[in-house]
């Protein structure tokens, strides 16, 4: 028997990370992504603002990111570049400013040095890294985000 209150929509989006999400405000219960902070030609803060805008109050986001040990050569270099994925602490600060809080984290894989010979990071051969799953919760709607609508053309 179909029960409308049990209806779930799952969508896989392959999105342009520099674009607005074609979703209504507070329309999602959850959002997940991999390496959203590692936006090469975009603004990860803009994407995270869009995720926050699309999540309902109490909504959840789960991201897998690669972080580097805070004392490593790689974390120092990334911090100087202004990259939020330099370490878990530099990642959490912009999220807090949006009204998202880290509920918990879980290291999925850890290592030292490059994973593959052609990898650019980490810089140092002994730099430690971790692929970490970050579980986030949306608190109260951030005042500057409340009522904003996506400018995307949704066909």
C-alpha atoms as a PDB file:
ATOM      1  CA  UNK A   1       0.000   0.000   0.000  1.00  0.00           C
ATOM      2  CA  UNK A   2       1.345   3.435  -0.960  1.00  0.00           C
ATOM      3  CA  UNK A   3       1.716   5.829   1.968  1.00  0.00           C
ATOM      4  CA  UNK A   4       2.405   9.441   0.986  1.00  0.00           C
ATOM      5  CA  UNK A   5       4.134  10.184   4.269  1.00  0.00           C
ATOM      6  CA  UNK A   6       6.691   7.483   3.447  1.00  0.00           C
ATOM      7  CA  UNK A   7       7.491   8.824  -0.007  1.00  0.00           C
ATOM      8  CA  UNK A   8      11.189   9.400  -0.547  1.00  0.00           C
ATOM      9  CA  UNK A   9      12.889  11.037  -3.463  1.00  0.00           C
ATOM     10  CA  UNK A  10      16.493  10.219  -4.157  1.00  0.00           C
ATOM     11  CA  UNK A  11      18.226  12.083  -6.929  1.00  0.00           C
ATOM     12  CA  UNK A  12      21.773  11.827  -8.191  1.00  0.00           C
ATOM     13  CA  UNK A  13      22.961  15.192  -9.429  1.00  0.00           C
ATOM     14  CA  UNK A  14      26.071  15.693 -11.497  1.00  0.00           C
ATOM     15  CA  UNK A  15      26.272  19.423 -11.029  1.00  0.00           C
ATOM     16  CA  UNK A  16      28.427  22.293 -12.115  1.00  0.00           C
ATOM     17  CA  UNK A  17      29.936  23.139  -8.752  1.00  0.00           C
ATOM     18  CA  UNK A  18      30.013  26.831  -9.608  1.00  0.00           C
ATOM     19  CA  UNK A  19      26.286  27.022 -10.385  1.00  0.00           C
ATOM     20  CA  UNK A  20      23.251  27.497  -8.176  1.00  0.00           C
ATOM     21  CA  UNK A  21      21.318  24.379  -7.273  1.00  0.00           C
ATOM     22  CA  UNK A  22      17.991  24.154  -9.043  1.00  0.00           C
ATOM     23  CA  UNK A  23      16.165  23.391  -5.797  1.00  0.00           C
ATOM     24  CA  UNK A  24      13.580  25.274  -3.746  1.00  0.00           C
ATOM     25  CA  UNK A  25      14.517  26.768  -0.388  1.00  0.00           C
ATOM     26  CA  UNK A  26      14.309  24.293   2.495  1.00  0.00           C
ATOM     27  CA  UNK A  27      13.204  21.490   0.166  1.00  0.00           C
ATOM     28  CA  UNK A  28      15.670  18.749   1.149  1.00  0.00           C
ATOM     29  CA  UNK A  29      15.980  16.560   4.214  1.00  0.00           C
ATOM     30  CA  UNK A  30      19.527  15.513   3.323  1.00  0.00           C
ATOM     31  CA  UNK A  31      22.375  16.192   0.896  1.00  0.00           C
ATOM     32  CA  UNK A  32      25.532  14.220   0.296  1.00  0.00           C
ATOM     33  CA  UNK A  33      28.652  14.853  -1.729  1.00  0.00           C
ATOM     34  CA  UNK A  34      32.283  13.900  -2.224  1.00  0.00           C
ATOM     35  CA  UNK A  35      35.083  16.472  -2.315  1.00  0.00           C
ATOM     36  CA  UNK A  36      32.742  19.464  -2.471  1.00  0.00           C
ATOM     37  CA  UNK A  37      35.429  21.666  -0.902  1.00  0.00           C
ATOM     38  CA  UNK A  38      37.847  20.708  -3.685  1.00  0.00           C
ATOM     39  CA  UNK A  39      36.273  22.945  -6.305  1.00  0.00           C
ATOM     40  CA  UNK A  40      38.936  23.706  -8.885  1.00  0.00           C
ATOM     41  CA  UNK A  41      37.357  26.586 -10.826  1.00  0.00           C
ATOM     42  CA  UNK A  42      34.549  27.528  -8.495  1.00  0.00           C
ATOM     43  CA  UNK A  43      33.775  28.749  -5.027  1.00  0.00           C
ATOM     44  CA  UNK A  44      33.177  25.999  -2.466  1.00  0.00           C
ATOM     45  CA  UNK A  45      31.596  28.567  -0.130  1.00  0.00           C
ATOM     46  CA  UNK A  46      29.001  29.383  -2.793  1.00  0.00           C
ATOM     47  CA  UNK A  47      28.146  25.712  -3.260  1.00  0.00           C
ATOM     48  CA  UNK A  48      27.859  25.180   0.502  1.00  0.00           C
ATOM     49  CA  UNK A  49      25.570  28.240   0.779  1.00  0.00           C
ATOM     50  CA  UNK A  50      23.361  26.644  -1.877  1.00  0.00           C
ATOM     51  CA  UNK A  51      23.336  23.328  -0.008  1.00  0.00           C
ATOM     52  CA  UNK A  52      22.412  25.133   3.207  1.00  0.00           C
ATOM     53  CA  UNK A  53      19.673  27.112   1.440  1.00  0.00           C
ATOM     54  CA  UNK A  54      18.178  23.907   0.038  1.00  0.00           C
ATOM     55  CA  UNK A  55      18.168  22.004   3.336  1.00  0.00           C
ATOM     56  CA  UNK A  56      15.248  22.116   5.746  1.00  0.00           C
ATOM     57  CA  UNK A  57      15.833  23.183   9.346  1.00  0.00           C
ATOM     58  CA  UNK A  58      17.250  20.123  11.070  1.00  0.00           C
ATOM     59  CA  UNK A  59      18.352  18.763   7.678  1.00  0.00           C
ATOM     60  CA  UNK A  60      21.544  16.817   7.322  1.00  0.00           C
ATOM     61  CA  UNK A  61      24.502  16.906   5.000  1.00  0.00           C
ATOM     62  CA  UNK A  62      27.181  14.239   4.686  1.00  0.00           C
ATOM     63  CA  UNK A  63      30.393  14.976   2.845  1.00  0.00           C
ATOM     64  CA  UNK A  64      33.565  12.980   2.284  1.00  0.00           C
ATOM     65  CA  UNK A  65      36.626  15.176   2.100  1.00  0.00           C
ATOM     66  CA  UNK A  66      40.387  14.718   2.167  1.00  0.00           C
ATOM     67  CA  UNK A  67      42.103  16.591   4.988  1.00  0.00           C
ATOM     68  CA  UNK A  68      45.736  16.991   5.938  1.00  0.00           C
ATOM     69  CA  UNK A  69      47.406  16.930   9.346  1.00  0.00           C
ATOM     70  CA  UNK A  70      47.391  20.522  10.695  1.00  0.00           C
ATOM     71  CA  UNK A  71      51.194  20.563  11.186  1.00  0.00           C
ATOM     72  CA  UNK A  72      51.924  19.253   7.665  1.00  0.00           C
ATOM     73  CA  UNK A  73      53.591  21.145   4.839  1.00  0.00           C
ATOM     74  CA  UNK A  74      50.448  20.566   2.739  1.00  0.00           C
ATOM     75  CA  UNK A  75      48.041  22.036   5.326  1.00  0.00           C
ATOM     76  CA  UNK A  76      50.250  25.111   5.700  1.00  0.00           C
ATOM     77  CA  UNK A  77      50.396  25.630   1.919  1.00  0.00           C
ATOM     78  CA  UNK A  78      46.650  25.092   1.474  1.00  0.00           C
ATOM     79  CA  UNK A  79      45.912  27.496   4.337  1.00  0.00           C
ATOM     80  CA  UNK A  80      48.036  30.183   2.684  1.00  0.00           C
ATOM     81  CA  UNK A  81      46.010  29.616  -0.511  1.00  0.00           C
ATOM     82  CA  UNK A  82      42.760  30.035   1.457  1.00  0.00           C
ATOM     83  CA  UNK A  83      41.586  26.462   0.790  1.00  0.00           C
ATOM     84  CA  UNK A  84      39.029  25.297   3.318  1.00  0.00           C
ATOM     85  CA  UNK A  85      40.050  21.631   3.066  1.00  0.00           C
ATOM     86  CA  UNK A  86      43.532  22.235   4.467  1.00  0.00           C
ATOM     87  CA  UNK A  87      42.422  20.580   7.711  1.00  0.00           C
ATOM     88  CA  UNK A  88      39.215  19.637   9.468  1.00  0.00           C
ATOM     89  CA  UNK A  89      39.286  22.840  11.534  1.00  0.00           C
ATOM     90  CA  UNK A  90      39.641  25.117   8.469  1.00  0.00           C
ATOM     91  CA  UNK A  91      36.739  23.187   6.904  1.00  0.00           C
ATOM     92  CA  UNK A  92      34.415  23.543   9.898  1.00  0.00           C
ATOM     93  CA  UNK A  93      34.722  27.336  10.316  1.00  0.00           C
ATOM     94  CA  UNK A  94      32.932  28.371   7.072  1.00  0.00           C
ATOM     95  CA  UNK A  95      30.219  25.787   7.744  1.00  0.00           C
ATOM     96  CA  UNK A  96      29.587  27.230  11.209  1.00  0.00           C
ATOM     97  CA  UNK A  97      29.209  30.691   9.674  1.00  0.00           C
ATOM     98  CA  UNK A  98      26.379  29.289   7.520  1.00  0.00           C
ATOM     99  CA  UNK A  99      24.570  27.764  10.482  1.00  0.00           C
ATOM    100  CA  UNK A 100      25.726  24.193   9.864  1.00  0.00           C
ATOM    101  CA  UNK A 101      27.358  22.332  12.689  1.00  0.00           C
ATOM    102  CA  UNK A 102      29.510  19.248  12.631  1.00  0.00           C
ATOM    103  CA  UNK A 103      27.565  16.468  14.322  1.00  0.00           C
ATOM    104  CA  UNK A 104      30.417  13.978  14.037  1.00  0.00           C
ATOM    105  CA  UNK A 105      33.259  12.842  11.803  1.00  0.00           C
ATOM    106  CA  UNK A 106      34.643   9.470  10.861  1.00  0.00           C
ATOM    107  CA  UNK A 107      38.004   8.800   9.263  1.00  0.00           C
ATOM    108  CA  UNK A 108      37.408   6.339   6.445  1.00  0.00           C
ATOM    109  CA  UNK A 109      40.992   6.024   5.201  1.00  0.00           C
ATOM    110  CA  UNK A 110      44.280   7.456   6.442  1.00  0.00           C
ATOM    111  CA  UNK A 111      47.719   7.528   4.941  1.00  0.00           C
ATOM    112  CA  UNK A 112      51.032   9.273   4.491  1.00  0.00           C
ATOM    113  CA  UNK A 113      52.469  10.726   1.287  1.00  0.00           C
ATOM    114  CA  UNK A 114      50.952  10.535  -2.177  1.00  0.00           C
ATOM    115  CA  UNK A 115      48.307   7.966  -3.014  1.00  0.00           C
ATOM    116  CA  UNK A 116      49.347   7.815  -6.673  1.00  0.00           C
ATOM    117  CA  UNK A 117      52.535   8.840  -8.463  1.00  0.00           C
ATOM    118  CA  UNK A 118      50.730  11.606 -10.424  1.00  0.00           C
ATOM    119  CA  UNK A 119      48.972  13.159  -7.403  1.00  0.00           C
ATOM    120  CA  UNK A 120      49.726  16.792  -6.657  1.00  0.00           C
ATOM    121  CA  UNK A 121      48.939  16.533  -2.959  1.00  0.00           C
ATOM    122  CA  UNK A 122      50.159  16.013  -0.383  1.00  0.00           C
ATOM    123  CA  UNK A 123      53.290  18.054  -0.947  1.00  0.00           C
ATOM    124  CA  UNK A 124      55.532  16.355   1.606  1.00  0.00           C
ATOM    125  CA  UNK A 125      56.354  12.663   1.338  1.00  0.00           C
ATOM    126  CA  UNK A 126      55.638  12.251   5.060  1.00  0.00           C
ATOM    127  CA  UNK A 127      52.519  14.460   5.196  1.00  0.00           C
ATOM    128  CA  UNK A 128      49.616  12.622   6.798  1.00  0.00           C
ATOM    129  CA  UNK A 129      46.156  12.757   5.260  1.00  0.00           C
ATOM    130  CA  UNK A 130      42.735  11.305   5.911  1.00  0.00           C
ATOM    131  CA  UNK A 131      39.628  10.794   3.857  1.00  0.00           C
ATOM    132  CA  UNK A 132      37.032  11.787   6.398  1.00  0.00           C
ATOM    133  CA  UNK A 133      33.263  11.586   6.368  1.00  0.00           C
ATOM    134  CA  UNK A 134      31.773  14.733   7.913  1.00  0.00           C
ATOM    135  CA  UNK A 135      28.196  14.592   9.232  1.00  0.00           C
ATOM    136  CA  UNK A 136      26.550  18.016   9.434  1.00  0.00           C
ATOM    137  CA  UNK A 137      23.270  19.378  10.762  1.00  0.00           C
ATOM    138  CA  UNK A 138      21.471  22.548   9.788  1.00  0.00           C
ATOM    139  CA  UNK A 139      20.402  24.634  12.768  1.00  0.00           C
ATOM    140  CA  UNK A 140      18.282  27.748  12.578  1.00  0.00           C
ATOM    141  CA  UNK A 141      18.110  29.348   9.166  1.00  0.00           C
ATOM    142  CA  UNK A 142      20.936  31.851   8.885  1.00  0.00           C
ATOM    143  CA  UNK A 143      19.440  35.334   8.802  1.00  0.00           C
ATOM    144  CA  UNK A 144      21.211  36.344   5.574  1.00  0.00           C
ATOM    145  CA  UNK A 145      19.995  33.174   3.812  1.00  0.00           C
ATOM    146  CA  UNK A 146      16.370  33.150   4.931  1.00  0.00           C
ATOM    147  CA  UNK A 147      13.980  33.756   2.066  1.00  0.00           C
ATOM    148  CA  UNK A 148      16.602  33.660  -0.675  1.00  0.00           C
ATOM    149  CA  UNK A 149      15.587  31.948  -3.903  1.00  0.00           C
ATOM    150  CA  UNK A 150      17.824  30.292  -6.410  1.00  0.00           C
ATOM    151  CA  UNK A 151      18.331  32.321  -9.561  1.00  0.00           C
ATOM    152  CA  UNK A 152      18.794  29.129 -11.604  1.00  0.00           C
ATOM    153  CA  UNK A 153      16.608  28.507 -14.627  1.00  0.00           C
ATOM    154  CA  UNK A 154      14.893  25.219 -13.887  1.00  0.00           C
ATOM    155  CA  UNK A 155      13.298  23.742 -16.960  1.00  0.00           C
END
